[in-house]
Amino acid sequence: MALPLLTHSQAWALLGLAILMEVAGTTSMRLAEGFTRLTPSVMIFVFYGISFGLNTMIIRTLGLSVVYGVWSGVGTVLTALIGIYYFKEPATAIKMVSIGFIVIGVMGLHSASRLPAA
């Protein structure tokens, strides 16, 4: 049984949730300390499973290039910021400029998703 096609707004909302699940999964990797802590180790797979499941539904509406680009870009930026603010990793100039470029790329992909198909 196929799921109904999502509206544009529903797809973007679910993509936001998928991104949060991916960031939680990646953060759990750090908290798992090399799979030596059970709960964060299990949560890696739970969070990524939810994220990939949502992405599979969203791709039908927004397309692969937009979904994966935005998912990975926003996830990368959020994960980098968590590393800087929560795990006290250094916020070097090159790191901050690189984050800025990722944000610009994500904004471009979002804009492209609003244009009619050629």
PDB file of N, CA and C in Angstrom:
ATOM      1  N   MET A   1       0.845  -1.185   0.000  1.00  0.00           N
ATOM      2  CA  MET A   1       0.000   0.000   0.000  1.00  0.00           C
ATOM      3  C   MET A   1       0.882   1.238   0.000  1.00  0.00           C
ATOM      4  N   ALA A   2       0.725   2.072  -0.987  1.00  0.00           N
ATOM      5  CA  ALA A   2       1.515   3.293  -1.096  1.00  0.00           C
ATOM      6  C   ALA A   2       0.916   4.381  -0.209  1.00  0.00           C
ATOM      7  N   LEU A   3       1.807   5.142   0.413  1.00  0.00           N
ATOM      8  CA  LEU A   3       1.370   6.285   1.207  1.00  0.00           C
ATOM      9  C   LEU A   3       0.965   7.416   0.279  1.00  0.00           C
ATOM     10  N   PRO A   4      -0.003   8.250   0.697  1.00  0.00           N
ATOM     11  CA  PRO A   4      -0.393   9.373  -0.157  1.00  0.00           C
ATOM     12  C   PRO A   4       0.756  10.374  -0.281  1.00  0.00           C
ATOM     13  N   LEU A   5       0.787  11.099  -1.384  1.00  0.00           N
ATOM     14  CA  LEU A   5       1.798  12.116  -1.615  1.00  0.00           C
ATOM     15  C   LEU A   5       1.610  13.253  -0.613  1.00  0.00           C
ATOM     16  N   LEU A   6       2.695  13.725  -0.053  1.00  0.00           N
ATOM     17  CA  LEU A   6       2.645  14.820   0.913  1.00  0.00           C
ATOM     18  C   LEU A   6       2.477  16.147   0.195  1.00  0.00           C
ATOM     19  N   THR A   7       1.872  17.116   0.876  1.00  0.00           N
ATOM     20  CA  THR A   7       1.862  18.477   0.338  1.00  0.00           C
ATOM     21  C   THR A   7       3.263  19.048   0.510  1.00  0.00           C
ATOM     22  N   HIS A   8       3.527  20.135  -0.164  1.00  0.00           N
ATOM     23  CA  HIS A   8       4.829  20.801  -0.073  1.00  0.00           C
ATOM     24  C   HIS A   8       5.126  21.183   1.384  1.00  0.00           C
ATOM     25  N   SER A   9       4.134  21.759   2.056  1.00  0.00           N
ATOM     26  CA  SER A   9       4.312  22.183   3.457  1.00  0.00           C
ATOM     27  C   SER A   9       4.547  20.988   4.378  1.00  0.00           C
ATOM     28  N   GLN A  10       3.796  19.923   4.189  1.00  0.00           N
ATOM     29  CA  GLN A  10       3.988  18.717   5.006  1.00  0.00           C
ATOM     30  C   GLN A  10       5.381  18.136   4.810  1.00  0.00           C
ATOM     31  N   ALA A  11       5.831  18.120   3.555  1.00  0.00           N
ATOM     32  CA  ALA A  11       7.150  17.570   3.252  1.00  0.00           C
ATOM     33  C   ALA A  11       8.245  18.379   3.935  1.00  0.00           C
ATOM     34  N   TRP A  12       8.143  19.703   3.899  1.00  0.00           N
ATOM     35  CA  TRP A  12       9.157  20.539   4.559  1.00  0.00           C
ATOM     36  C   TRP A  12       9.120  20.370   6.073  1.00  0.00           C
ATOM     37  N   ALA A  13       7.940  20.235   6.641  1.00  0.00           N
ATOM     38  CA  ALA A  13       7.828  20.021   8.091  1.00  0.00           C
ATOM     39  C   ALA A  13       8.461  18.682   8.474  1.00  0.00           C
ATOM     40  N   LEU A  14       8.168  17.642   7.708  1.00  0.00           N
ATOM     41  CA  LEU A  14       8.757  16.334   7.992  1.00  0.00           C
ATOM     42  C   LEU A  14      10.265  16.332   7.755  1.00  0.00           C
ATOM     43  N   LEU A  15      10.712  17.117   6.772  1.00  0.00           N
ATOM     44  CA  LEU A  15      12.153  17.221   6.558  1.00  0.00           C
ATOM     45  C   LEU A  15      12.824  17.854   7.774  1.00  0.00           C
ATOM     46  N   GLY A  16      12.184  18.840   8.370  1.00  0.00           N
ATOM     47  CA  GLY A  16      12.712  19.434   9.604  1.00  0.00           C
ATOM     48  C   GLY A  16      12.840  18.389  10.701  1.00  0.00           C
ATOM     49  N   LEU A  17      11.828  17.553  10.838  1.00  0.00           N
ATOM     50  CA  LEU A  17      11.868  16.487  11.844  1.00  0.00           C
ATOM     51  C   LEU A  17      12.958  15.465  11.507  1.00  0.00           C
ATOM     52  N   ALA A  18      13.083  15.115  10.234  1.00  0.00           N
ATOM     53  CA  ALA A  18      14.121  14.171   9.809  1.00  0.00           C
ATOM     54  C   ALA A  18      15.512  14.715  10.125  1.00  0.00           C
ATOM     55  N   ILE A  19      15.702  16.005   9.927  1.00  0.00           N
ATOM     56  CA  ILE A  19      16.985  16.637  10.239  1.00  0.00           C
ATOM     57  C   ILE A  19      17.269  16.563  11.730  1.00  0.00           C
ATOM     58  N   LEU A  20      16.265  16.867  12.542  1.00  0.00           N
ATOM     59  CA  LEU A  20      16.459  16.796  14.004  1.00  0.00           C
ATOM     60  C   LEU A  20      16.799  15.375  14.451  1.00  0.00           C
ATOM     61  N   MET A  21      16.165  14.380  13.830  1.00  0.00           N
ATOM     62  CA  MET A  21      16.468  12.984  14.170  1.00  0.00           C
ATOM     63  C   MET A  21      17.899  12.618  13.757  1.00  0.00           C
ATOM     64  N   GLU A  22      18.330  13.100  12.595  1.00  0.00           N
ATOM     65  CA  GLU A  22      19.697  12.841  12.138  1.00  0.00           C
ATOM     66  C   GLU A  22      20.711  13.488  13.076  1.00  0.00           C
ATOM     67  N   VAL A  23      20.452  14.715  13.493  1.00  0.00           N
ATOM     68  CA  VAL A  23      21.360  15.414  14.411  1.00  0.00           C
ATOM     69  C   VAL A  23      21.390  14.697  15.761  1.00  0.00           C
ATOM     70  N   ALA A  24      20.245  14.236  16.228  1.00  0.00           N
ATOM     71  CA  ALA A  24      20.205  13.473  17.485  1.00  0.00           C
ATOM     72  C   ALA A  24      20.999  12.173  17.353  1.00  0.00           C
ATOM     73  N   GLY A  25      20.894  11.516  16.198  1.00  0.00           N
ATOM     74  CA  GLY A  25      21.652  10.292  15.969  1.00  0.00           C
ATOM     75  C   GLY A  25      23.145  10.542  15.947  1.00  0.00           C
ATOM     76  N   THR A  26      23.548  11.610  15.277  1.00  0.00           N
ATOM     77  CA  THR A  26      24.965  11.939  15.206  1.00  0.00           C
ATOM     78  C   THR A  26      25.500  12.348  16.575  1.00  0.00           C
ATOM     79  N   THR A  27      24.722  13.113  17.323  1.00  0.00           N
ATOM     80  CA  THR A  27      25.120  13.494  18.677  1.00  0.00           C
ATOM     81  C   THR A  27      25.218  12.253  19.563  1.00  0.00           C
ATOM     82  N   SER A  28      24.324  11.303  19.356  1.00  0.00           N
ATOM     83  CA  SER A  28      24.375  10.047  20.116  1.00  0.00           C
ATOM     84  C   SER A  28      25.666   9.286  19.846  1.00  0.00           C
ATOM     85  N   MET A  29      26.200   9.420  18.618  1.00  0.00           N
ATOM     86  CA  MET A  29      27.488   8.777  18.319  1.00  0.00           C
ATOM     87  C   MET A  29      28.566   9.275  19.277  1.00  0.00           C
ATOM     88  N   ARG A  30      28.590  10.575  19.470  1.00  0.00           N
ATOM     89  CA  ARG A  30      29.586  11.167  20.381  1.00  0.00           C
ATOM     90  C   ARG A  30      29.338  10.717  21.809  1.00  0.00           C
ATOM     91  N   LEU A  31      28.073  10.690  22.211  1.00  0.00           N
ATOM     92  CA  LEU A  31      27.723  10.306  23.584  1.00  0.00           C
ATOM     93  C   LEU A  31      27.918   8.815  23.845  1.00  0.00           C
ATOM     94  N   ALA A  32      27.909   7.994  22.807  1.00  0.00           N
ATOM     95  CA  ALA A  32      28.065   6.540  22.954  1.00  0.00           C
ATOM     96  C   ALA A  32      29.486   6.142  23.337  1.00  0.00           C
ATOM     97  N   GLU A  33      30.426   7.060  23.120  1.00  0.00           N
ATOM     98  CA  GLU A  33      31.830   6.815  23.472  1.00  0.00           C
ATOM     99  C   GLU A  33      32.325   5.471  22.937  1.00  0.00           C
ATOM    100  N   GLY A  34      32.248   5.345  21.611  1.00  0.00           N
ATOM    101  CA  GLY A  34      32.744   4.121  20.966  1.00  0.00           C
ATOM    102  C   GLY A  34      31.930   2.889  21.312  1.00  0.00           C
ATOM    103  N   PHE A  35      30.631   3.024  21.410  1.00  0.00           N
ATOM    104  CA  PHE A  35      29.703   1.939  21.756  1.00  0.00           C
ATOM    105  C   PHE A  35      29.949   1.372  23.158  1.00  0.00           C
ATOM    106  N   THR A  36      30.520   2.167  24.054  1.00  0.00           N
ATOM    107  CA  THR A  36      30.725   1.704  25.435  1.00  0.00           C
ATOM    108  C   THR A  36      29.564   2.087  26.340  1.00  0.00           C
ATOM    109  N   ARG A  37      28.660   2.932  25.859  1.00  0.00           N
ATOM    110  CA  ARG A  37      27.469   3.329  26.632  1.00  0.00           C
ATOM    111  C   ARG A  37      26.239   2.840  25.883  1.00  0.00           C
ATOM    112  N   LEU A  38      25.430   2.010  26.547  1.00  0.00           N
ATOM    113  CA  LEU A  38      24.330   1.298  25.882  1.00  0.00           C
ATOM    114  C   LEU A  38      23.254   2.225  25.326  1.00  0.00           C
ATOM    115  N   THR A  39      22.701   3.096  26.152  1.00  0.00           N
ATOM    116  CA  THR A  39      21.562   3.899  25.699  1.00  0.00           C
ATOM    117  C   THR A  39      21.903   4.766  24.492  1.00  0.00           C
ATOM    118  N   PRO A  40      22.971   5.568  24.531  1.00  0.00           N
ATOM    119  CA  PRO A  40      23.266   6.348  23.323  1.00  0.00           C
ATOM    120  C   PRO A  40      23.612   5.467  22.126  1.00  0.00           C
ATOM    121  N   SER A  41      24.206   4.309  22.366  1.00  0.00           N
ATOM    122  CA  SER A  41      24.528   3.394  21.262  1.00  0.00           C
ATOM    123  C   SER A  41      23.268   2.914  20.564  1.00  0.00           C
ATOM    124  N   VAL A  42      22.254   2.552  21.320  1.00  0.00           N
ATOM    125  CA  VAL A  42      20.980   2.107  20.743  1.00  0.00           C
ATOM    126  C   VAL A  42      20.274   3.273  20.060  1.00  0.00           C
ATOM    127  N   MET A  43      20.339   4.455  20.669  1.00  0.00           N
ATOM    128  CA  MET A  43      19.634   5.614  20.131  1.00  0.00           C
ATOM    129  C   MET A  43      20.191   6.063  18.782  1.00  0.00           C
ATOM    130  N   ILE A  44      21.457   5.785  18.507  1.00  0.00           N
ATOM    131  CA  ILE A  44      22.016   6.083  17.181  1.00  0.00           C
ATOM    132  C   ILE A  44      21.123   5.459  16.108  1.00  0.00           C
ATOM    133  N   PHE A  45      20.821   4.182  16.270  1.00  0.00           N
ATOM    134  CA  PHE A  45      20.060   3.442  15.266  1.00  0.00           C
ATOM    135  C   PHE A  45      18.589   3.842  15.252  1.00  0.00           C
ATOM    136  N   VAL A  46      18.029   4.152  16.414  1.00  0.00           N
ATOM    137  CA  VAL A  46      16.635   4.596  16.482  1.00  0.00           C
ATOM    138  C   VAL A  46      16.477   5.929  15.745  1.00  0.00           C
ATOM    139  N   PHE A  47      17.333   6.901  16.094  1.00  0.00           N
ATOM    140  CA  PHE A  47      17.229   8.226  15.471  1.00  0.00           C
ATOM    141  C   PHE A  47      17.490   8.172  13.965  1.00  0.00           C
ATOM    142  N   TYR A  48      18.523   7.438  13.547  1.00  0.00           N
ATOM    143  CA  TYR A  48      18.800   7.344  12.113  1.00  0.00           C
ATOM    144  C   TYR A  48      17.699   6.584  11.384  1.00  0.00           C
ATOM    145  N   GLY A  49      17.139   5.559  12.005  1.00  0.00           N
ATOM    146  CA  GLY A  49      16.037   4.820  11.380  1.00  0.00           C
ATOM    147  C   GLY A  49      14.839   5.717  11.111  1.00  0.00           C
ATOM    148  N   ILE A  50      14.483   6.531  12.096  1.00  0.00           N
ATOM    149  CA  ILE A  50      13.373   7.471  11.915  1.00  0.00           C
ATOM    150  C   ILE A  50      13.706   8.470  10.816  1.00  0.00           C
ATOM    151  N   SER A  51      14.925   9.013  10.849  1.00  0.00           N
ATOM    152  CA  SER A  51      15.330  10.007   9.862  1.00  0.00           C
ATOM    153  C   SER A  51      15.282   9.450   8.440  1.00  0.00           C
ATOM    154  N   PHE A  52      15.850   8.264   8.233  1.00  0.00           N
ATOM    155  CA  PHE A  52      15.838   7.672   6.894  1.00  0.00           C
ATOM    156  C   PHE A  52      14.418   7.310   6.452  1.00  0.00           C
ATOM    157  N   GLY A  53      13.604   6.847   7.378  1.00  0.00           N
ATOM    158  CA  GLY A  53      12.215   6.539   7.042  1.00  0.00           C
ATOM    159  C   GLY A  53      11.462   7.778   6.579  1.00  0.00           C
ATOM    160  N   LEU A  54      11.632   8.884   7.299  1.00  0.00           N
ATOM    161  CA  LEU A  54      10.988  10.135   6.905  1.00  0.00           C
ATOM    162  C   LEU A  54      11.513  10.612   5.547  1.00  0.00           C
ATOM    163  N   ASN A  55      12.829  10.537   5.352  1.00  0.00           N
ATOM    164  CA  ASN A  55      13.405  10.974   4.075  1.00  0.00           C
ATOM    165  C   ASN A  55      12.830  10.188   2.905  1.00  0.00           C
ATOM    166  N   THR A  56      12.600   8.909   3.110  1.00  0.00           N
ATOM    167  CA  THR A  56      12.044   8.072   2.052  1.00  0.00           C
ATOM    168  C   THR A  56      10.661   8.562   1.638  1.00  0.00           C
ATOM    169  N   MET A  57       9.871   9.024   2.601  1.00  0.00           N
ATOM    170  CA  MET A  57       8.542   9.561   2.289  1.00  0.00           C
ATOM    171  C   MET A  57       8.638  10.944   1.634  1.00  0.00           C
ATOM    172  N   ILE A  58       9.561  11.777   2.107  1.00  0.00           N
ATOM    173  CA  ILE A  58       9.678  13.164   1.659  1.00  0.00           C
ATOM    174  C   ILE A  58      10.190  13.263   0.224  1.00  0.00           C
ATOM    175  N   ILE A  59      11.077  12.362  -0.163  1.00  0.00           N
ATOM    176  CA  ILE A  59      11.708  12.411  -1.486  1.00  0.00           C
ATOM    177  C   ILE A  59      10.673  12.371  -2.607  1.00  0.00           C
ATOM    178  N   ARG A  60       9.551  11.726  -2.383  1.00  0.00           N
ATOM    179  CA  ARG A  60       8.499  11.662  -3.409  1.00  0.00           C
ATOM    180  C   ARG A  60       7.952  13.049  -3.733  1.00  0.00           C
ATOM    181  N   THR A  61       7.967  13.955  -2.761  1.00  0.00           N
ATOM    182  CA  THR A  61       7.404  15.291  -2.953  1.00  0.00           C
ATOM    183  C   THR A  61       8.457  16.324  -3.339  1.00  0.00           C
ATOM    184  N   LEU A  62       9.582  16.337  -2.631  1.00  0.00           N
ATOM    185  CA  LEU A  62      10.578  17.391  -2.837  1.00  0.00           C
ATOM    186  C   LEU A  62      11.711  17.002  -3.778  1.00  0.00           C
ATOM    187  N   GLY A  63      11.895  15.717  -4.023  1.00  0.00           N
ATOM    188  CA  GLY A  63      12.970  15.270  -4.907  1.00  0.00           C
ATOM    189  C   GLY A  63      14.256  14.978  -4.149  1.00  0.00           C
ATOM    190  N   LEU A  64      15.030  14.075  -4.693  1.00  0.00           N
ATOM    191  CA  LEU A  64      16.256  13.604  -4.054  1.00  0.00           C
ATOM    192  C   LEU A  64      17.279  14.710  -3.836  1.00  0.00           C
ATOM    193  N   SER A  65      17.528  15.530  -4.853  1.00  0.00           N
ATOM    194  CA  SER A  65      18.590  16.535  -4.732  1.00  0.00           C
ATOM    195  C   SER A  65      18.287  17.542  -3.636  1.00  0.00           C
ATOM    196  N   VAL A  66      17.050  17.953  -3.509  1.00  0.00           N
ATOM    197  CA  VAL A  66      16.685  18.922  -2.476  1.00  0.00           C
ATOM    198  C   VAL A  66      16.692  18.262  -1.102  1.00  0.00           C
ATOM    199  N   VAL A  67      16.045  17.118  -0.986  1.00  0.00           N
ATOM    200  CA  VAL A  67      15.937  16.458   0.320  1.00  0.00           C
ATOM    201  C   VAL A  67      17.310  16.122   0.883  1.00  0.00           C
ATOM    202  N   TYR A  68      18.122  15.441   0.094  1.00  0.00           N
ATOM    203  CA  TYR A  68      19.418  15.029   0.630  1.00  0.00           C
ATOM    204  C   TYR A  68      20.330  16.225   0.853  1.00  0.00           C
ATOM    205  N   GLY A  69      20.311  17.183  -0.055  1.00  0.00           N
ATOM    206  CA  GLY A  69      21.145  18.370   0.110  1.00  0.00           C
ATOM    207  C   GLY A  69      20.788  19.167   1.358  1.00  0.00           C
ATOM    208  N   VAL A  70      19.500  19.417   1.557  1.00  0.00           N
ATOM    209  CA  VAL A  70      19.066  20.180   2.731  1.00  0.00           C
ATOM    210  C   VAL A  70      19.280  19.361   4.002  1.00  0.00           C
ATOM    211  N   TRP A  71      18.917  18.080   3.967  1.00  0.00           N
ATOM    212  CA  TRP A  71      19.068  17.200   5.135  1.00  0.00           C
ATOM    213  C   TRP A  71      20.523  17.143   5.587  1.00  0.00           C
ATOM    214  N   SER A  72      21.416  16.901   4.646  1.00  0.00           N
ATOM    215  CA  SER A  72      22.819  16.784   5.022  1.00  0.00           C
ATOM    216  C   SER A  72      23.423  18.139   5.372  1.00  0.00           C
ATOM    217  N   GLY A  73      23.044  19.195   4.648  1.00  0.00           N
ATOM    218  CA  GLY A  73      23.591  20.523   4.920  1.00  0.00           C
ATOM    219  C   GLY A  73      23.163  21.083   6.262  1.00  0.00           C
ATOM    220  N   VAL A  74      21.860  21.094   6.511  1.00  0.00           N
ATOM    221  CA  VAL A  74      21.370  21.616   7.793  1.00  0.00           C
ATOM    222  C   VAL A  74      21.838  20.723   8.940  1.00  0.00           C
ATOM    223  N   GLY A  75      21.825  19.415   8.707  1.00  0.00           N
ATOM    224  CA  GLY A  75      22.327  18.497   9.739  1.00  0.00           C
ATOM    225  C   GLY A  75      23.786  18.750  10.060  1.00  0.00           C
ATOM    226  N   THR A  76      24.593  19.018   9.033  1.00  0.00           N
ATOM    227  CA  THR A  76      26.009  19.313   9.237  1.00  0.00           C
ATOM    228  C   THR A  76      26.189  20.595  10.045  1.00  0.00           C
ATOM    229  N   VAL A  77      25.445  21.630   9.688  1.00  0.00           N
ATOM    230  CA  VAL A  77      25.555  22.901  10.411  1.00  0.00           C
ATOM    231  C   VAL A  77      25.137  22.733  11.865  1.00  0.00           C
ATOM    232  N   LEU A  78      23.990  22.099  12.095  1.00  0.00           N
ATOM    233  CA  LEU A  78      23.533  21.911  13.481  1.00  0.00           C
ATOM    234  C   LEU A  78      24.497  21.050  14.288  1.00  0.00           C
ATOM    235  N   THR A  79      25.015  19.999  13.674  1.00  0.00           N
ATOM    236  CA  THR A  79      25.963  19.123  14.367  1.00  0.00           C
ATOM    237  C   THR A  79      27.246  19.879  14.687  1.00  0.00           C
ATOM    238  N   ALA A  80      27.724  20.695  13.751  1.00  0.00           N
ATOM    239  CA  ALA A  80      28.921  21.501  14.012  1.00  0.00           C
ATOM    240  C   ALA A  80      28.680  22.470  15.164  1.00  0.00           C
ATOM    241  N   LEU A  81      27.516  23.094  15.189  1.00  0.00           N
ATOM    242  CA  LEU A  81      27.208  24.030  16.274  1.00  0.00           C
ATOM    243  C   LEU A  81      27.094  23.319  17.624  1.00  0.00           C
ATOM    244  N   ILE A  82      26.533  22.118  17.629  1.00  0.00           N
ATOM    245  CA  ILE A  82      26.479  21.331  18.867  1.00  0.00           C
ATOM    246  C   ILE A  82      27.905  20.998  19.323  1.00  0.00           C
ATOM    247  N   GLY A  83      28.758  20.635  18.380  1.00  0.00           N
ATOM    248  CA  GLY A  83      30.150  20.358  18.716  1.00  0.00           C
ATOM    249  C   GLY A  83      30.833  21.565  19.332  1.00  0.00           C
ATOM    250  N   ILE A  84      30.573  22.726  18.775  1.00  0.00           N
ATOM    251  CA  ILE A  84      31.202  23.959  19.262  1.00  0.00           C
ATOM    252  C   ILE A  84      30.643  24.363  20.624  1.00  0.00           C
ATOM    253  N   TYR A  85      29.318  24.407  20.753  1.00  0.00           N
ATOM    254  CA  TYR A  85      28.714  24.940  21.979  1.00  0.00           C
ATOM    255  C   TYR A  85      28.584  23.917  23.101  1.00  0.00           C
ATOM    256  N   TYR A  86      28.252  22.680  22.784  1.00  0.00           N
ATOM    257  CA  TYR A  86      28.018  21.681  23.831  1.00  0.00           C
ATOM    258  C   TYR A  86      29.287  20.910  24.178  1.00  0.00           C
ATOM    259  N   PHE A  87      30.042  20.505  23.137  1.00  0.00           N
ATOM    260  CA  PHE A  87      31.235  19.697  23.380  1.00  0.00           C
ATOM    261  C   PHE A  87      32.512  20.537  23.419  1.00  0.00           C
ATOM    262  N   LYS A  88      32.348  21.859  23.323  1.00  0.00           N
ATOM    263  CA  LYS A  88      33.461  22.813  23.472  1.00  0.00           C
ATOM    264  C   LYS A  88      34.573  22.611  22.453  1.00  0.00           C
ATOM    265  N   GLU A  89      34.207  22.255  21.217  1.00  0.00           N
ATOM    266  CA  GLU A  89      35.194  22.147  20.144  1.00  0.00           C
ATOM    267  C   GLU A  89      35.554  23.558  19.686  1.00  0.00           C
ATOM    268  N   PRO A  90      36.757  23.752  19.153  1.00  0.00           N
ATOM    269  CA  PRO A  90      37.162  25.101  18.738  1.00  0.00           C
ATOM    270  C   PRO A  90      36.330  25.620  17.561  1.00  0.00           C
ATOM    271  N   ALA A  91      35.959  26.901  17.640  1.00  0.00           N
ATOM    272  CA  ALA A  91      35.212  27.568  16.564  1.00  0.00           C
ATOM    273  C   ALA A  91      36.199  28.400  15.765  1.00  0.00           C
ATOM    274  N   THR A  92      36.954  27.743  14.900  1.00  0.00           N
ATOM    275  CA  THR A  92      37.961  28.440  14.106  1.00  0.00           C
ATOM    276  C   THR A  92      37.297  29.268  13.012  1.00  0.00           C
ATOM    277  N   ALA A  93      38.040  30.208  12.482  1.00  0.00           N
ATOM    278  CA  ALA A  93      37.508  31.056  11.410  1.00  0.00           C
ATOM    279  C   ALA A  93      37.126  30.221  10.187  1.00  0.00           C
ATOM    280  N   ILE A  94      37.986  29.292   9.813  1.00  0.00           N
ATOM    281  CA  ILE A  94      37.685  28.459   8.637  1.00  0.00           C
ATOM    282  C   ILE A  94      36.436  27.606   8.875  1.00  0.00           C
ATOM    283  N   LYS A  95      36.236  27.151  10.095  1.00  0.00           N
ATOM    284  CA  LYS A  95      35.044  26.365  10.405  1.00  0.00           C
ATOM    285  C   LYS A  95      33.788  27.227  10.268  1.00  0.00           C
ATOM    286  N   MET A  96      33.844  28.455  10.768  1.00  0.00           N
ATOM    287  CA  MET A  96      32.675  29.326  10.720  1.00  0.00           C
ATOM    288  C   MET A  96      32.370  29.772   9.277  1.00  0.00           C
ATOM    289  N   VAL A  97      33.407  30.066   8.487  1.00  0.00           N
ATOM    290  CA  VAL A  97      33.200  30.432   7.077  1.00  0.00           C
ATOM    291  C   VAL A  97      32.599  29.248   6.320  1.00  0.00           C
ATOM    292  N   SER A  98      33.093  28.061   6.598  1.00  0.00           N
ATOM    293  CA  SER A  98      32.576  26.857   5.930  1.00  0.00           C
ATOM    294  C   SER A  98      31.108  26.625   6.268  1.00  0.00           C
ATOM    295  N   ILE A  99      30.741  26.827   7.525  1.00  0.00           N
ATOM    296  CA  ILE A  99      29.338  26.720   7.929  1.00  0.00           C
ATOM    297  C   ILE A  99      28.499  27.726   7.147  1.00  0.00           C
ATOM    298  N   GLY A 100      29.016  28.939   6.982  1.00  0.00           N
ATOM    299  CA  GLY A 100      28.303  29.963   6.206  1.00  0.00           C
ATOM    300  C   GLY A 100      28.056  29.531   4.772  1.00  0.00           C
ATOM    301  N   PHE A 101      29.059  28.906   4.144  1.00  0.00           N
ATOM    302  CA  PHE A 101      28.890  28.422   2.770  1.00  0.00           C
ATOM    303  C   PHE A 101      27.829  27.324   2.702  1.00  0.00           C
ATOM    304  N   ILE A 102      27.798  26.463   3.694  1.00  0.00           N
ATOM    305  CA  ILE A 102      26.777  25.406   3.715  1.00  0.00           C
ATOM    306  C   ILE A 102      25.390  26.026   3.812  1.00  0.00           C
ATOM    307  N   VAL A 103      25.238  27.038   4.667  1.00  0.00           N
ATOM    308  CA  VAL A 103      23.948  27.721   4.814  1.00  0.00           C
ATOM    309  C   VAL A 103      23.523  28.346   3.479  1.00  0.00           C
ATOM    310  N   ILE A 104      24.447  28.971   2.779  1.00  0.00           N
ATOM    311  CA  ILE A 104      24.134  29.566   1.475  1.00  0.00           C
ATOM    312  C   ILE A 104      23.671  28.481   0.493  1.00  0.00           C
ATOM    313  N   GLY A 105      24.352  27.343   0.492  1.00  0.00           N
ATOM    314  CA  GLY A 105      23.966  26.241  -0.387  1.00  0.00           C
ATOM    315  C   GLY A 105      22.576  25.708  -0.079  1.00  0.00           C
ATOM    316  N   VAL A 106      22.272  25.573   1.201  1.00  0.00           N
ATOM    317  CA  VAL A 106      20.946  25.091   1.601  1.00  0.00           C
ATOM    318  C   VAL A 106      19.872  26.085   1.174  1.00  0.00           C
ATOM    319  N   MET A 107      20.151  27.367   1.336  1.00  0.00           N
ATOM    320  CA  MET A 107      19.183  28.380   0.912  1.00  0.00           C
ATOM    321  C   MET A 107      18.940  28.299  -0.593  1.00  0.00           C
ATOM    322  N   GLY A 108      20.006  28.039  -1.366  1.00  0.00           N
ATOM    323  CA  GLY A 108      19.859  27.883  -2.810  1.00  0.00           C
ATOM    324  C   GLY A 108      19.009  26.677  -3.169  1.00  0.00           C
ATOM    325  N   LEU A 109      19.230  25.555  -2.484  1.00  0.00           N
ATOM    326  CA  LEU A 109      18.425  24.354  -2.747  1.00  0.00           C
ATOM    327  C   LEU A 109      16.961  24.590  -2.388  1.00  0.00           C
ATOM    328  N   HIS A 110      16.728  25.274  -1.280  1.00  0.00           N
ATOM    329  CA  HIS A 110      15.346  25.578  -0.882  1.00  0.00           C
ATOM    330  C   HIS A 110      14.684  26.447  -1.945  1.00  0.00           C
ATOM    331  N   SER A 111      15.386  27.456  -2.416  1.00  0.00           N
ATOM    332  CA  SER A 111      14.834  28.322  -3.460  1.00  0.00           C
ATOM    333  C   SER A 111      14.551  27.538  -4.735  1.00  0.00           C
ATOM    334  N   ALA A 112      15.459  26.643  -5.097  1.00  0.00           N
ATOM    335  CA  ALA A 112      15.288  25.848  -6.319  1.00  0.00           C
ATOM    336  C   ALA A 112      14.058  24.939  -6.216  1.00  0.00           C
ATOM    337  N   SER A 113      13.719  24.491  -5.005  1.00  0.00           N
ATOM    338  CA  SER A 113      12.564  23.609  -4.855  1.00  0.00           C
ATOM    339  C   SER A 113      11.254  24.348  -5.110  1.00  0.00           C
ATOM    340  N   ARG A 114      11.283  25.662  -5.070  1.00  0.00           N
ATOM    341  CA  ARG A 114      10.073  26.459  -5.283  1.00  0.00           C
ATOM    342  C   ARG A 114       9.837  26.786  -6.752  1.00  0.00           C
ATOM    343  N   LEU A 115      10.861  26.580  -7.579  1.00  0.00           N
ATOM    344  CA  LEU A 115      10.734  26.912  -9.006  1.00  0.00           C
ATOM    345  C   LEU A 115       9.986  25.805  -9.745  1.00  0.00           C
ATOM    346  N   PRO A 116       9.248  26.166 -10.775  1.00  0.00           N
ATOM    347  CA  PRO A 116       8.572  25.120 -11.569  1.00  0.00           C
ATOM    348  C   PRO A 116       9.611  24.263 -12.303  1.00  0.00           C
ATOM    349  N   ALA A 117       9.289  23.004 -12.488  1.00  0.00           N
ATOM    350  CA  ALA A 117      10.196  22.082 -13.188  1.00  0.00           C
ATOM    351  C   ALA A 117      10.328  22.506 -14.647  1.00  0.00           C
ATOM    352  N   ALA A 118      11.535  22.374 -15.171  1.00  0.00           N
ATOM    353  CA  ALA A 118      11.778  22.784 -16.558  1.00  0.00           C
ATOM    354  C   ALA A 118      11.371  21.710 -17.529  1.00  0.00           C
TER     355      ALA A 118
END
